[in-house]
């Protein structure tokens, strides 16, 4: 009986190792503030997905989504108008699934050989689920902070180390991700040259929550 138990245990360990290996070879995405997602993307659009086709290339195939572009926020120098979005198929760990003819999506991605690619590590969200501040950020505010650096804080104590950093503390909250800073703030470079969190609803809402080293 003990030998059977040891055999089963070894099988489970091997299986677990293979699963971890698959995850390691697949997508391991760090949490990203929407501003960083905007600044690090070649393309940012709002679009409705109207069709899809599985292309037989790569180990799992590539899904080509046909989109009706509503608005382009970034990428005019890369592509004039986006008609297709490419992502790994649903069999891959890294592919993105979009519903057909249901929602408008905010889609971010990279351009390679004039094709737009997105994946699980990109920021893709139904437009209606974005907060008002996120929509304002996508429209104009995030681009004002692309020279700033959003510094994640996973464990206290955390400090910014330069005037170009904003301390991102959403990961410390027990409410989980996405947190308040992700949904309501942008890291903007101020006239004085330093970067700070900015909500921008009213004068009272302009809030700096940085802790800079002396």
N, C-alpha and C. Protein backbone atom coordinates (compact mmCIF):
# COMPACT_ATOMS: atom_id res chain seq x y z
N UNK A 1 0.83 -1.21 0.00
CA UNK A 1 0.00 0.00 0.00
C UNK A 1 0.86 1.26 0.00
N UNK A 2 1.94 1.20 0.81
CA UNK A 2 2.82 2.35 0.87
C UNK A 2 3.51 2.59 -0.47
N UNK A 3 3.87 1.49 -1.17
CA UNK A 3 4.52 1.64 -2.48
C UNK A 3 3.56 2.28 -3.49
N UNK A 4 2.28 1.90 -3.43
CA UNK A 4 1.27 2.51 -4.31
C UNK A 4 1.13 3.99 -4.01
N UNK A 5 1.13 4.30 -2.71
CA UNK A 5 1.00 5.70 -2.28
C UNK A 5 2.18 6.53 -2.79
N UNK A 6 3.41 5.93 -2.64
CA UNK A 6 4.61 6.65 -3.10
C UNK A 6 4.57 6.85 -4.60
N UNK A 7 4.06 5.83 -5.32
CA UNK A 7 3.97 5.95 -6.78
C UNK A 7 3.00 7.07 -7.17
N UNK A 8 1.84 7.11 -6.51
CA UNK A 8 0.87 8.16 -6.81
C UNK A 8 1.42 9.54 -6.48
N UNK A 9 2.15 9.60 -5.36
CA UNK A 9 2.73 10.88 -4.97
C UNK A 9 3.75 11.36 -5.99
N UNK A 10 4.57 10.43 -6.49
CA UNK A 10 5.58 10.80 -7.50
C UNK A 10 4.92 11.26 -8.78
N UNK A 11 3.81 10.59 -9.17
CA UNK A 11 3.07 11.01 -10.37
C UNK A 11 2.52 12.41 -10.20
N UNK A 12 1.94 12.69 -9.02
CA UNK A 12 1.40 14.02 -8.76
C UNK A 12 2.49 15.09 -8.78
N UNK A 13 3.65 14.77 -8.24
CA UNK A 13 4.76 15.73 -8.24
C UNK A 13 5.23 16.03 -9.65
N UNK A 14 5.33 14.97 -10.47
CA UNK A 14 5.73 15.17 -11.86
C UNK A 14 4.70 16.01 -12.60
N UNK A 15 3.41 15.70 -12.38
CA UNK A 15 2.33 16.45 -13.02
C UNK A 15 2.36 17.91 -12.60
N UNK A 16 2.56 18.15 -11.29
CA UNK A 16 2.64 19.52 -10.80
C UNK A 16 3.81 20.25 -11.41
N UNK A 17 4.94 19.56 -11.53
CA UNK A 17 6.12 20.16 -12.14
C UNK A 17 5.86 20.54 -13.60
N UNK A 18 5.18 19.65 -14.32
CA UNK A 18 4.85 19.95 -15.71
C UNK A 18 3.91 21.13 -15.82
N UNK A 19 2.93 21.21 -14.90
CA UNK A 19 2.00 22.32 -14.93
C UNK A 19 2.72 23.63 -14.65
N UNK A 20 3.62 23.62 -13.65
CA UNK A 20 4.38 24.83 -13.35
C UNK A 20 5.26 25.21 -14.53
N UNK A 21 5.83 24.22 -15.20
CA UNK A 21 6.65 24.49 -16.37
C UNK A 21 5.83 25.13 -17.47
N UNK A 22 4.61 24.62 -17.65
CA UNK A 22 3.72 25.20 -18.67
C UNK A 22 3.41 26.65 -18.36
N UNK A 23 3.12 26.91 -17.08
CA UNK A 23 2.81 28.28 -16.70
C UNK A 23 4.01 29.19 -16.88
N UNK A 24 5.20 28.66 -16.56
CA UNK A 24 6.41 29.46 -16.71
C UNK A 24 6.67 29.76 -18.19
N UNK A 25 6.37 28.75 -19.05
CA UNK A 25 6.58 28.96 -20.47
C UNK A 25 5.46 29.76 -21.10
N UNK A 26 4.35 29.88 -20.41
CA UNK A 26 3.22 30.62 -20.93
C UNK A 26 3.29 32.08 -20.53
N UNK A 27 2.22 32.61 -19.96
CA UNK A 27 2.17 34.02 -19.61
C UNK A 27 2.31 34.21 -18.11
N UNK A 28 3.32 34.93 -17.74
CA UNK A 28 3.49 35.35 -16.36
C UNK A 28 3.48 36.86 -16.37
N UNK A 29 2.32 37.46 -16.10
CA UNK A 29 2.13 38.89 -16.28
C UNK A 29 2.18 39.62 -14.95
N UNK A 30 3.03 40.62 -14.87
CA UNK A 30 3.04 41.48 -13.69
C UNK A 30 1.85 42.42 -13.75
N UNK A 31 1.35 42.80 -12.58
CA UNK A 31 0.26 43.77 -12.54
C UNK A 31 0.73 45.09 -13.13
N UNK A 32 -0.11 45.69 -13.94
CA UNK A 32 0.26 46.91 -14.65
C UNK A 32 -0.81 47.98 -14.44
N UNK A 33 -0.36 49.18 -14.09
CA UNK A 33 -1.29 50.31 -14.03
C UNK A 33 -1.73 50.65 -15.45
N UNK A 34 -2.99 51.03 -15.66
CA UNK A 34 -3.46 51.35 -17.01
C UNK A 34 -2.61 52.40 -17.73
N UNK A 35 -2.03 53.33 -16.97
CA UNK A 35 -1.18 54.34 -17.59
C UNK A 35 0.06 53.71 -18.21
N UNK A 36 0.69 52.77 -17.48
CA UNK A 36 1.83 52.07 -18.05
C UNK A 36 1.43 51.27 -19.27
N UNK A 37 0.25 50.64 -19.21
CA UNK A 37 -0.24 49.87 -20.36
C UNK A 37 -0.40 50.78 -21.57
N UNK A 38 -0.91 51.99 -21.34
CA UNK A 38 -1.07 52.96 -22.43
C UNK A 38 0.29 53.38 -22.97
N UNK A 39 1.18 53.78 -22.07
CA UNK A 39 2.47 54.33 -22.50
C UNK A 39 3.34 53.30 -23.19
N UNK A 40 3.22 52.03 -22.81
CA UNK A 40 4.08 50.98 -23.36
C UNK A 40 3.49 50.29 -24.58
N UNK A 41 2.33 50.72 -25.03
CA UNK A 41 1.67 50.10 -26.19
C UNK A 41 1.93 50.90 -27.45
N UNK A 42 1.98 50.20 -28.58
CA UNK A 42 2.05 50.87 -29.87
C UNK A 42 0.69 51.40 -30.29
N UNK A 43 -0.35 50.64 -29.94
CA UNK A 43 -1.71 50.92 -30.39
C UNK A 43 -2.65 50.91 -29.19
N UNK A 44 -3.53 51.92 -29.13
CA UNK A 44 -4.62 51.95 -28.15
C UNK A 44 -5.87 52.39 -28.89
N UNK A 45 -6.87 51.51 -28.92
CA UNK A 45 -8.11 51.83 -29.64
C UNK A 45 -9.32 51.42 -28.82
N UNK A 46 -10.46 51.97 -29.19
CA UNK A 46 -11.76 51.49 -28.72
C UNK A 46 -12.46 50.89 -29.93
N UNK A 47 -12.91 49.66 -29.79
CA UNK A 47 -13.45 48.96 -30.95
C UNK A 47 -14.49 47.93 -30.53
N UNK A 48 -15.34 47.58 -31.46
CA UNK A 48 -16.29 46.49 -31.31
C UNK A 48 -15.80 45.32 -32.15
N UNK A 49 -15.78 44.14 -31.56
CA UNK A 49 -15.32 42.95 -32.27
C UNK A 49 -16.51 42.35 -33.03
N UNK A 50 -16.36 42.20 -34.34
CA UNK A 50 -17.49 41.78 -35.18
C UNK A 50 -17.28 40.43 -35.86
N UNK A 51 -16.11 39.84 -35.69
CA UNK A 51 -15.88 38.53 -36.31
C UNK A 51 -14.57 37.94 -35.84
N UNK A 52 -14.38 36.65 -36.11
CA UNK A 52 -13.13 36.00 -35.75
C UNK A 52 -12.86 34.84 -36.69
N UNK A 53 -11.57 34.50 -36.82
CA UNK A 53 -11.16 33.39 -37.67
C UNK A 53 -9.88 32.80 -37.10
N UNK A 54 -9.83 31.47 -36.95
CA UNK A 54 -8.64 30.79 -36.46
C UNK A 54 -7.70 30.52 -37.64
N UNK A 55 -6.50 31.07 -37.54
CA UNK A 55 -5.48 30.87 -38.56
C UNK A 55 -4.55 29.74 -38.14
N UNK A 56 -4.22 28.88 -39.04
CA UNK A 56 -3.42 27.69 -38.72
C UNK A 56 -1.93 28.02 -38.79
N UNK A 57 -1.45 28.81 -37.84
CA UNK A 57 -0.01 29.05 -37.76
C UNK A 57 0.41 29.01 -36.29
N UNK A 58 1.60 28.54 -36.04
CA UNK A 58 2.06 28.39 -34.67
C UNK A 58 1.55 27.10 -34.06
N UNK A 59 2.03 26.76 -32.86
CA UNK A 59 1.65 25.48 -32.22
C UNK A 59 0.17 25.39 -31.88
N UNK A 60 -0.45 26.51 -31.53
CA UNK A 60 -1.86 26.51 -31.16
C UNK A 60 -2.74 27.24 -32.18
N UNK A 61 -2.13 27.84 -33.17
CA UNK A 61 -2.89 28.67 -34.09
C UNK A 61 -2.99 30.10 -33.58
N UNK A 62 -3.39 30.99 -34.46
CA UNK A 62 -3.57 32.39 -34.11
C UNK A 62 -5.01 32.79 -34.39
N UNK A 63 -5.63 33.48 -33.44
CA UNK A 63 -6.99 33.97 -33.64
C UNK A 63 -6.93 35.38 -34.23
N UNK A 64 -7.60 35.57 -35.35
CA UNK A 64 -7.68 36.89 -35.96
C UNK A 64 -9.09 37.44 -35.74
N UNK A 65 -9.17 38.50 -34.95
CA UNK A 65 -10.45 39.15 -34.71
C UNK A 65 -10.62 40.31 -35.68
N UNK A 66 -11.79 40.39 -36.27
CA UNK A 66 -12.14 41.54 -37.09
C UNK A 66 -12.85 42.57 -36.21
N UNK A 67 -12.39 43.81 -36.26
CA UNK A 67 -12.93 44.83 -35.37
C UNK A 67 -13.48 46.01 -36.17
N UNK A 68 -14.46 46.66 -35.56
CA UNK A 68 -14.95 47.94 -36.06
C UNK A 68 -14.41 49.01 -35.14
N UNK A 69 -13.42 49.73 -35.63
CA UNK A 69 -12.74 50.72 -34.79
C UNK A 69 -13.64 51.93 -34.56
N UNK A 70 -13.83 52.26 -33.28
CA UNK A 70 -14.61 53.44 -32.91
C UNK A 70 -13.74 54.68 -32.77
N UNK A 71 -12.56 54.48 -32.15
CA UNK A 71 -11.67 55.62 -31.93
C UNK A 71 -10.27 55.10 -31.70
N UNK A 72 -9.29 55.82 -32.24
CA UNK A 72 -7.89 55.51 -31.98
C UNK A 72 -7.34 56.58 -31.04
N UNK A 73 -6.69 56.12 -29.96
CA UNK A 73 -6.11 57.03 -28.98
C UNK A 73 -4.60 57.13 -29.11
N UNK A 74 -4.00 56.10 -29.65
CA UNK A 74 -2.55 56.07 -29.83
C UNK A 74 -2.22 55.11 -30.96
N UNK A 75 -1.22 55.48 -31.77
CA UNK A 75 -0.79 54.60 -32.83
C UNK A 75 -0.98 55.14 -34.23
N UNK A 76 -1.29 56.44 -34.34
CA UNK A 76 -1.52 57.03 -35.66
C UNK A 76 -0.29 56.91 -36.55
N UNK A 77 0.88 56.89 -35.93
CA UNK A 77 2.13 56.79 -36.71
C UNK A 77 2.45 55.36 -37.10
N UNK A 78 1.70 54.39 -36.55
CA UNK A 78 1.94 52.97 -36.83
C UNK A 78 0.96 52.41 -37.85
N UNK A 79 -0.32 52.64 -37.59
CA UNK A 79 -1.39 52.10 -38.44
C UNK A 79 -2.46 53.18 -38.57
N UNK A 80 -2.94 53.40 -39.77
CA UNK A 80 -3.95 54.43 -39.97
C UNK A 80 -5.32 54.01 -39.44
N UNK A 81 -5.65 52.75 -39.63
CA UNK A 81 -6.96 52.25 -39.19
C UNK A 81 -6.84 50.75 -38.92
N UNK A 82 -7.30 50.32 -37.76
CA UNK A 82 -7.18 48.91 -37.37
C UNK A 82 -8.42 48.14 -37.82
N UNK A 83 -8.19 47.08 -38.57
CA UNK A 83 -9.28 46.22 -39.02
C UNK A 83 -9.22 44.84 -38.37
N UNK A 84 -8.01 44.42 -38.00
CA UNK A 84 -7.85 43.09 -37.42
C UNK A 84 -6.93 43.17 -36.19
N UNK A 85 -7.26 42.34 -35.21
CA UNK A 85 -6.44 42.17 -34.02
C UNK A 85 -6.03 40.69 -33.96
N UNK A 86 -4.74 40.44 -33.76
CA UNK A 86 -4.23 39.08 -33.71
C UNK A 86 -3.84 38.72 -32.27
N UNK A 87 -4.19 37.51 -31.87
CA UNK A 87 -3.83 37.02 -30.55
C UNK A 87 -3.67 35.50 -30.61
N UNK A 88 -3.04 34.93 -29.60
CA UNK A 88 -2.94 33.48 -29.55
C UNK A 88 -4.33 32.86 -29.44
N UNK A 89 -4.49 31.65 -29.93
CA UNK A 89 -5.79 30.99 -29.88
C UNK A 89 -6.18 30.67 -28.45
N UNK A 90 -7.41 30.26 -28.25
CA UNK A 90 -7.93 29.97 -26.91
C UNK A 90 -7.23 28.78 -26.27
N UNK A 91 -6.53 27.95 -27.06
CA UNK A 91 -5.79 26.82 -26.51
C UNK A 91 -4.48 27.25 -25.85
N UNK A 92 -4.07 28.48 -26.12
CA UNK A 92 -2.83 28.98 -25.55
C UNK A 92 -3.11 29.68 -24.22
N UNK A 93 -2.08 29.73 -23.36
CA UNK A 93 -2.23 30.42 -22.08
C UNK A 93 -2.24 31.93 -22.25
N UNK A 94 -1.79 32.43 -23.39
CA UNK A 94 -1.57 33.87 -23.55
C UNK A 94 -2.64 34.56 -24.40
N UNK A 95 -3.58 33.80 -24.94
CA UNK A 95 -4.56 34.40 -25.83
C UNK A 95 -5.64 35.19 -25.10
N UNK A 96 -6.22 36.15 -25.82
CA UNK A 96 -7.31 36.98 -25.30
C UNK A 96 -8.60 36.57 -26.00
N UNK A 97 -9.67 36.44 -25.23
CA UNK A 97 -10.97 36.12 -25.80
C UNK A 97 -11.85 37.37 -25.81
N UNK A 98 -12.39 37.70 -26.96
CA UNK A 98 -13.32 38.81 -27.10
C UNK A 98 -14.69 38.26 -27.51
N UNK A 99 -15.74 38.84 -26.94
CA UNK A 99 -17.10 38.48 -27.36
C UNK A 99 -17.42 39.16 -28.68
N UNK A 100 -18.15 38.46 -29.52
CA UNK A 100 -18.47 38.96 -30.86
C UNK A 100 -19.80 39.72 -30.82
N UNK A 101 -19.78 40.94 -31.39
CA UNK A 101 -20.99 41.76 -31.54
C UNK A 101 -21.73 42.01 -30.23
N UNK A 102 -20.98 42.20 -29.14
CA UNK A 102 -21.62 42.45 -27.86
C UNK A 102 -21.17 43.77 -27.22
N UNK A 103 -19.87 43.97 -27.14
CA UNK A 103 -19.36 45.09 -26.35
C UNK A 103 -18.35 45.91 -27.15
N UNK A 104 -18.16 47.13 -26.68
CA UNK A 104 -17.01 47.91 -27.13
C UNK A 104 -15.87 47.65 -26.15
N UNK A 105 -14.67 47.46 -26.69
CA UNK A 105 -13.50 47.15 -25.88
C UNK A 105 -12.45 48.24 -26.01
N UNK A 106 -11.74 48.49 -24.93
CA UNK A 106 -10.47 49.18 -25.02
C UNK A 106 -9.43 48.10 -25.29
N UNK A 107 -8.67 48.25 -26.37
CA UNK A 107 -7.69 47.25 -26.77
C UNK A 107 -6.33 47.92 -26.91
N UNK A 108 -5.33 47.35 -26.25
CA UNK A 108 -3.96 47.83 -26.40
C UNK A 108 -3.12 46.72 -26.99
N UNK A 109 -2.08 47.10 -27.72
CA UNK A 109 -1.26 46.07 -28.33
C UNK A 109 0.00 46.61 -28.97
N UNK A 110 0.71 45.71 -29.64
CA UNK A 110 1.95 46.04 -30.33
C UNK A 110 1.74 45.85 -31.84
N UNK A 111 2.56 46.54 -32.61
CA UNK A 111 2.51 46.44 -34.06
C UNK A 111 3.76 45.73 -34.55
N UNK A 112 3.55 44.69 -35.35
CA UNK A 112 4.66 43.96 -35.96
C UNK A 112 4.30 43.66 -37.40
N UNK A 113 5.13 44.16 -38.32
CA UNK A 113 4.89 43.99 -39.75
C UNK A 113 3.47 44.43 -40.12
N UNK A 114 3.09 45.59 -39.59
CA UNK A 114 1.82 46.26 -39.88
C UNK A 114 0.60 45.49 -39.37
N UNK A 115 0.82 44.52 -38.49
CA UNK A 115 -0.29 43.80 -37.87
C UNK A 115 -0.32 44.14 -36.38
N UNK A 116 -1.53 44.23 -35.82
CA UNK A 116 -1.70 44.57 -34.41
C UNK A 116 -1.88 43.29 -33.61
N UNK A 117 -1.02 43.10 -32.61
CA UNK A 117 -1.06 41.92 -31.76
C UNK A 117 -1.37 42.33 -30.32
N UNK A 118 -2.18 41.51 -29.66
CA UNK A 118 -2.45 41.72 -28.24
C UNK A 118 -2.41 40.37 -27.55
N UNK A 119 -2.34 40.40 -26.23
CA UNK A 119 -2.27 39.16 -25.47
C UNK A 119 -2.73 39.36 -24.05
N UNK A 120 -2.61 38.32 -23.27
CA UNK A 120 -3.10 38.34 -21.90
C UNK A 120 -2.40 39.39 -21.06
N UNK A 121 -1.15 39.71 -21.37
CA UNK A 121 -0.40 40.68 -20.59
C UNK A 121 -0.67 42.12 -21.02
N UNK A 122 -1.43 42.30 -22.09
CA UNK A 122 -1.85 43.65 -22.48
C UNK A 122 -3.10 44.04 -21.71
N UNK A 123 -3.40 45.34 -21.71
CA UNK A 123 -4.59 45.84 -21.02
C UNK A 123 -5.75 45.88 -22.01
N UNK A 124 -6.69 44.95 -21.85
CA UNK A 124 -7.89 44.88 -22.69
C UNK A 124 -9.09 44.78 -21.77
N UNK A 125 -10.05 45.69 -21.95
CA UNK A 125 -11.18 45.73 -21.03
C UNK A 125 -12.41 46.24 -21.75
N UNK A 126 -13.57 45.76 -21.32
CA UNK A 126 -14.82 46.30 -21.85
C UNK A 126 -14.91 47.78 -21.48
N UNK A 127 -15.27 48.60 -22.45
CA UNK A 127 -15.27 50.05 -22.25
C UNK A 127 -16.17 50.47 -21.10
N UNK A 128 -17.30 49.83 -20.94
CA UNK A 128 -18.25 50.21 -19.90
C UNK A 128 -17.71 49.93 -18.50
N UNK A 129 -16.72 49.05 -18.39
CA UNK A 129 -16.17 48.71 -17.08
C UNK A 129 -15.07 49.68 -16.63
N UNK A 130 -14.62 50.53 -17.53
CA UNK A 130 -13.60 51.50 -17.16
C UNK A 130 -14.22 52.62 -16.32
N UNK A 131 -13.46 53.12 -15.38
CA UNK A 131 -13.93 54.26 -14.59
C UNK A 131 -13.84 55.53 -15.43
N UNK A 132 -14.51 56.58 -14.97
CA UNK A 132 -14.45 57.86 -15.67
C UNK A 132 -13.02 58.37 -15.75
N UNK A 133 -12.27 58.20 -14.67
CA UNK A 133 -10.88 58.66 -14.66
C UNK A 133 -10.03 57.86 -15.66
N UNK A 134 -10.28 56.57 -15.79
CA UNK A 134 -9.54 55.78 -16.76
C UNK A 134 -9.87 56.21 -18.18
N UNK A 135 -11.12 56.52 -18.44
CA UNK A 135 -11.49 56.99 -19.78
C UNK A 135 -10.83 58.33 -20.08
N UNK A 136 -10.78 59.22 -19.08
CA UNK A 136 -10.08 60.50 -19.27
C UNK A 136 -8.60 60.28 -19.47
N UNK A 137 -8.06 59.30 -18.74
CA UNK A 137 -6.65 58.99 -18.90
C UNK A 137 -6.33 58.51 -20.31
N UNK A 138 -7.16 57.61 -20.82
CA UNK A 138 -6.96 57.09 -22.17
C UNK A 138 -7.09 58.21 -23.19
N UNK A 139 -8.02 59.12 -22.97
CA UNK A 139 -8.26 60.21 -23.92
C UNK A 139 -7.10 61.19 -23.99
N UNK A 140 -6.51 61.56 -22.84
CA UNK A 140 -5.44 62.56 -22.92
C UNK A 140 -4.49 62.57 -21.72
N UNK A 141 -4.95 62.10 -20.55
CA UNK A 141 -4.17 62.34 -19.34
C UNK A 141 -2.96 61.43 -19.22
N UNK A 142 -3.11 60.17 -19.60
CA UNK A 142 -2.00 59.23 -19.45
C UNK A 142 -0.77 59.67 -20.25
N UNK A 143 -0.99 60.22 -21.43
CA UNK A 143 0.15 60.61 -22.26
C UNK A 143 0.99 61.71 -21.60
N UNK A 144 0.37 62.47 -20.70
CA UNK A 144 1.11 63.51 -19.99
C UNK A 144 2.08 62.93 -18.98
N UNK A 145 1.92 61.65 -18.66
CA UNK A 145 2.76 61.02 -17.65
C UNK A 145 3.67 59.94 -18.18
N UNK A 146 3.84 59.86 -19.48
CA UNK A 146 4.65 58.78 -20.03
C UNK A 146 6.14 58.94 -19.71
N UNK A 147 6.54 60.12 -19.28
CA UNK A 147 7.92 60.31 -18.83
C UNK A 147 8.07 60.02 -17.34
N UNK A 148 6.98 59.76 -16.67
CA UNK A 148 7.02 59.40 -15.25
C UNK A 148 7.15 57.88 -15.11
N UNK A 149 7.51 57.45 -13.92
CA UNK A 149 7.62 56.01 -13.64
C UNK A 149 6.72 55.66 -12.48
N UNK A 150 5.84 54.69 -12.70
CA UNK A 150 4.96 54.20 -11.64
C UNK A 150 5.66 53.05 -10.96
N UNK A 151 5.97 53.22 -9.68
CA UNK A 151 6.76 52.25 -8.94
C UNK A 151 5.86 51.41 -8.05
N UNK A 152 5.72 50.10 -8.34
CA UNK A 152 4.84 49.25 -7.52
C UNK A 152 5.41 49.04 -6.12
N UNK A 153 4.50 49.02 -5.16
CA UNK A 153 4.86 48.72 -3.77
C UNK A 153 4.12 47.45 -3.36
N UNK A 154 4.86 46.37 -3.13
CA UNK A 154 4.26 45.10 -2.73
C UNK A 154 4.36 44.85 -1.24
N UNK A 155 5.38 45.40 -0.61
CA UNK A 155 5.59 45.21 0.83
C UNK A 155 6.10 46.52 1.43
N UNK A 156 5.60 46.87 2.59
CA UNK A 156 6.09 48.05 3.29
C UNK A 156 7.40 47.74 3.99
N UNK A 157 8.30 48.73 4.12
CA UNK A 157 8.17 50.12 3.68
C UNK A 157 8.53 50.28 2.20
N UNK A 158 7.93 51.26 1.56
CA UNK A 158 8.23 51.58 0.17
C UNK A 158 8.52 53.07 0.06
N UNK A 159 9.43 53.42 -0.82
CA UNK A 159 9.78 54.82 -1.04
C UNK A 159 10.02 55.06 -2.52
N UNK A 160 9.74 56.28 -2.96
CA UNK A 160 10.20 56.68 -4.29
C UNK A 160 11.64 57.13 -4.15
N UNK A 161 12.40 56.99 -5.21
CA UNK A 161 13.82 57.31 -5.16
C UNK A 161 14.21 58.44 -6.10
N UNK A 162 13.24 58.96 -6.83
CA UNK A 162 13.51 60.12 -7.70
C UNK A 162 12.22 60.90 -7.88
N UNK A 163 12.36 62.11 -8.36
CA UNK A 163 11.19 62.98 -8.52
C UNK A 163 10.30 62.54 -9.68
N UNK A 164 10.78 61.58 -10.47
CA UNK A 164 9.98 61.12 -11.62
C UNK A 164 9.11 59.92 -11.28
N UNK A 165 9.09 59.49 -10.02
CA UNK A 165 8.36 58.29 -9.63
C UNK A 165 7.08 58.61 -8.85
N UNK A 166 6.06 57.78 -9.07
CA UNK A 166 4.85 57.77 -8.25
C UNK A 166 4.75 56.40 -7.58
N UNK A 167 4.49 56.40 -6.30
CA UNK A 167 4.43 55.14 -5.56
C UNK A 167 3.04 54.52 -5.72
N UNK A 168 3.00 53.31 -6.26
CA UNK A 168 1.74 52.62 -6.53
C UNK A 168 1.51 51.58 -5.44
N UNK A 169 0.49 51.81 -4.60
CA UNK A 169 0.28 50.99 -3.41
C UNK A 169 -0.98 50.14 -3.47
N UNK A 170 -1.60 50.00 -4.62
CA UNK A 170 -2.83 49.21 -4.73
C UNK A 170 -2.63 47.77 -4.26
N UNK A 171 -1.45 47.22 -4.45
CA UNK A 171 -1.20 45.82 -4.11
C UNK A 171 -1.21 45.58 -2.60
N UNK A 172 -1.12 46.64 -1.81
CA UNK A 172 -1.14 46.50 -0.36
C UNK A 172 -2.55 46.35 0.20
N UNK A 173 -3.54 46.72 -0.61
CA UNK A 173 -4.92 46.71 -0.15
C UNK A 173 -5.49 45.30 -0.15
N UNK A 174 -6.27 44.98 0.87
CA UNK A 174 -6.92 43.67 0.93
C UNK A 174 -8.11 43.58 -0.02
N UNK A 175 -8.46 44.71 -0.62
CA UNK A 175 -9.59 44.70 -1.57
C UNK A 175 -9.16 44.13 -2.92
N UNK A 176 -7.85 44.04 -3.14
CA UNK A 176 -7.39 43.40 -4.37
C UNK A 176 -7.21 44.37 -5.52
N UNK A 177 -6.93 43.79 -6.69
CA UNK A 177 -6.65 44.55 -7.91
C UNK A 177 -7.84 44.41 -8.86
N UNK A 178 -8.24 45.43 -9.61
CA UNK A 178 -7.62 46.75 -9.66
C UNK A 178 -8.02 47.62 -8.47
N UNK A 179 -7.09 48.41 -8.00
CA UNK A 179 -7.31 49.22 -6.82
C UNK A 179 -7.67 50.65 -7.14
N UNK A 180 -7.67 51.47 -6.10
CA UNK A 180 -8.15 52.84 -6.22
C UNK A 180 -7.25 53.69 -7.11
N UNK A 181 -5.95 53.53 -6.97
CA UNK A 181 -5.04 54.32 -7.81
C UNK A 181 -5.17 53.91 -9.28
N UNK A 182 -5.36 52.63 -9.53
CA UNK A 182 -5.52 52.17 -10.91
C UNK A 182 -6.76 52.74 -11.55
N UNK A 183 -7.82 52.84 -10.77
CA UNK A 183 -9.11 53.25 -11.33
C UNK A 183 -9.32 54.76 -11.33
N UNK A 184 -8.60 55.50 -10.49
CA UNK A 184 -8.95 56.91 -10.32
C UNK A 184 -7.80 57.90 -10.45
N UNK A 185 -6.56 57.42 -10.62
CA UNK A 185 -5.44 58.35 -10.64
C UNK A 185 -4.52 58.12 -11.84
N UNK A 186 -3.87 59.21 -12.24
CA UNK A 186 -2.81 59.17 -13.24
C UNK A 186 -1.56 59.80 -12.63
N UNK A 187 -0.42 59.30 -13.02
CA UNK A 187 0.86 59.84 -12.54
C UNK A 187 1.33 60.86 -13.56
N UNK A 188 1.26 62.15 -13.18
CA UNK A 188 1.46 63.24 -14.12
C UNK A 188 2.68 64.07 -13.73
N UNK A 189 3.42 64.51 -14.72
CA UNK A 189 4.55 65.40 -14.47
C UNK A 189 4.04 66.82 -14.25
N UNK A 190 4.37 67.39 -13.11
CA UNK A 190 3.90 68.72 -12.74
C UNK A 190 4.83 69.79 -13.31
N UNK A 191 4.40 71.05 -13.20
CA UNK A 191 5.18 72.17 -13.73
C UNK A 191 6.56 72.25 -13.07
N UNK A 192 6.61 71.85 -11.80
CA UNK A 192 7.87 71.93 -11.07
C UNK A 192 8.86 70.83 -11.50
N UNK A 193 8.40 69.89 -12.32
CA UNK A 193 9.29 68.87 -12.83
C UNK A 193 9.17 67.52 -12.17
N UNK A 194 8.47 67.44 -11.03
CA UNK A 194 8.30 66.16 -10.38
C UNK A 194 6.99 65.51 -10.82
N UNK A 195 6.89 64.22 -10.57
CA UNK A 195 5.68 63.47 -10.93
C UNK A 195 4.87 63.18 -9.66
N UNK A 196 3.56 63.26 -9.76
CA UNK A 196 2.69 62.96 -8.62
C UNK A 196 1.36 62.44 -9.13
N UNK A 197 0.66 61.76 -8.24
CA UNK A 197 -0.67 61.25 -8.57
C UNK A 197 -1.64 62.41 -8.72
N UNK A 198 -2.47 62.31 -9.75
CA UNK A 198 -3.40 63.39 -10.07
C UNK A 198 -4.75 62.79 -10.43
N UNK A 199 -5.78 63.27 -9.75
CA UNK A 199 -7.13 62.82 -10.05
C UNK A 199 -7.82 63.77 -11.01
N UNK A 200 -7.69 65.07 -10.78
CA UNK A 200 -8.09 66.06 -11.75
C UNK A 200 -9.57 66.30 -11.90
N UNK A 201 -10.37 65.91 -10.91
CA UNK A 201 -11.80 66.17 -11.00
C UNK A 201 -12.10 67.62 -10.63
N UNK A 202 -11.59 68.06 -9.49
CA UNK A 202 -11.70 69.44 -9.05
C UNK A 202 -10.37 69.83 -8.44
N UNK A 203 -10.25 71.09 -8.05
CA UNK A 203 -9.02 71.53 -7.43
C UNK A 203 -8.71 70.77 -6.16
N UNK A 204 -9.74 70.41 -5.40
CA UNK A 204 -9.52 69.68 -4.15
C UNK A 204 -9.04 68.26 -4.39
N UNK A 205 -9.36 67.73 -5.56
CA UNK A 205 -9.03 66.34 -5.82
C UNK A 205 -7.62 66.13 -6.34
N UNK A 206 -6.91 67.25 -6.55
CA UNK A 206 -5.52 67.12 -6.97
C UNK A 206 -4.72 66.67 -5.77
N UNK A 207 -4.26 65.44 -5.80
CA UNK A 207 -3.71 64.83 -4.60
C UNK A 207 -2.32 64.25 -4.87
N UNK A 208 -1.40 64.61 -4.03
CA UNK A 208 -0.09 64.02 -4.09
C UNK A 208 0.06 63.07 -2.93
N UNK A 209 0.37 61.80 -3.22
CA UNK A 209 0.49 60.82 -2.15
C UNK A 209 1.86 60.15 -2.20
N UNK A 210 2.86 60.93 -2.65
CA UNK A 210 4.21 60.40 -2.71
C UNK A 210 4.92 60.58 -1.38
N UNK A 211 5.89 59.72 -1.13
CA UNK A 211 6.78 59.90 0.01
C UNK A 211 8.20 59.87 -0.54
N UNK A 212 8.81 61.05 -0.71
CA UNK A 212 10.13 61.11 -1.32
C UNK A 212 11.21 61.07 -0.27
N UNK A 213 12.32 60.41 -0.64
CA UNK A 213 13.46 60.39 0.26
C UNK A 213 14.08 61.79 0.33
N UNK A 214 14.56 62.21 1.48
CA UNK A 214 15.21 63.52 1.57
C UNK A 214 16.52 63.53 0.80
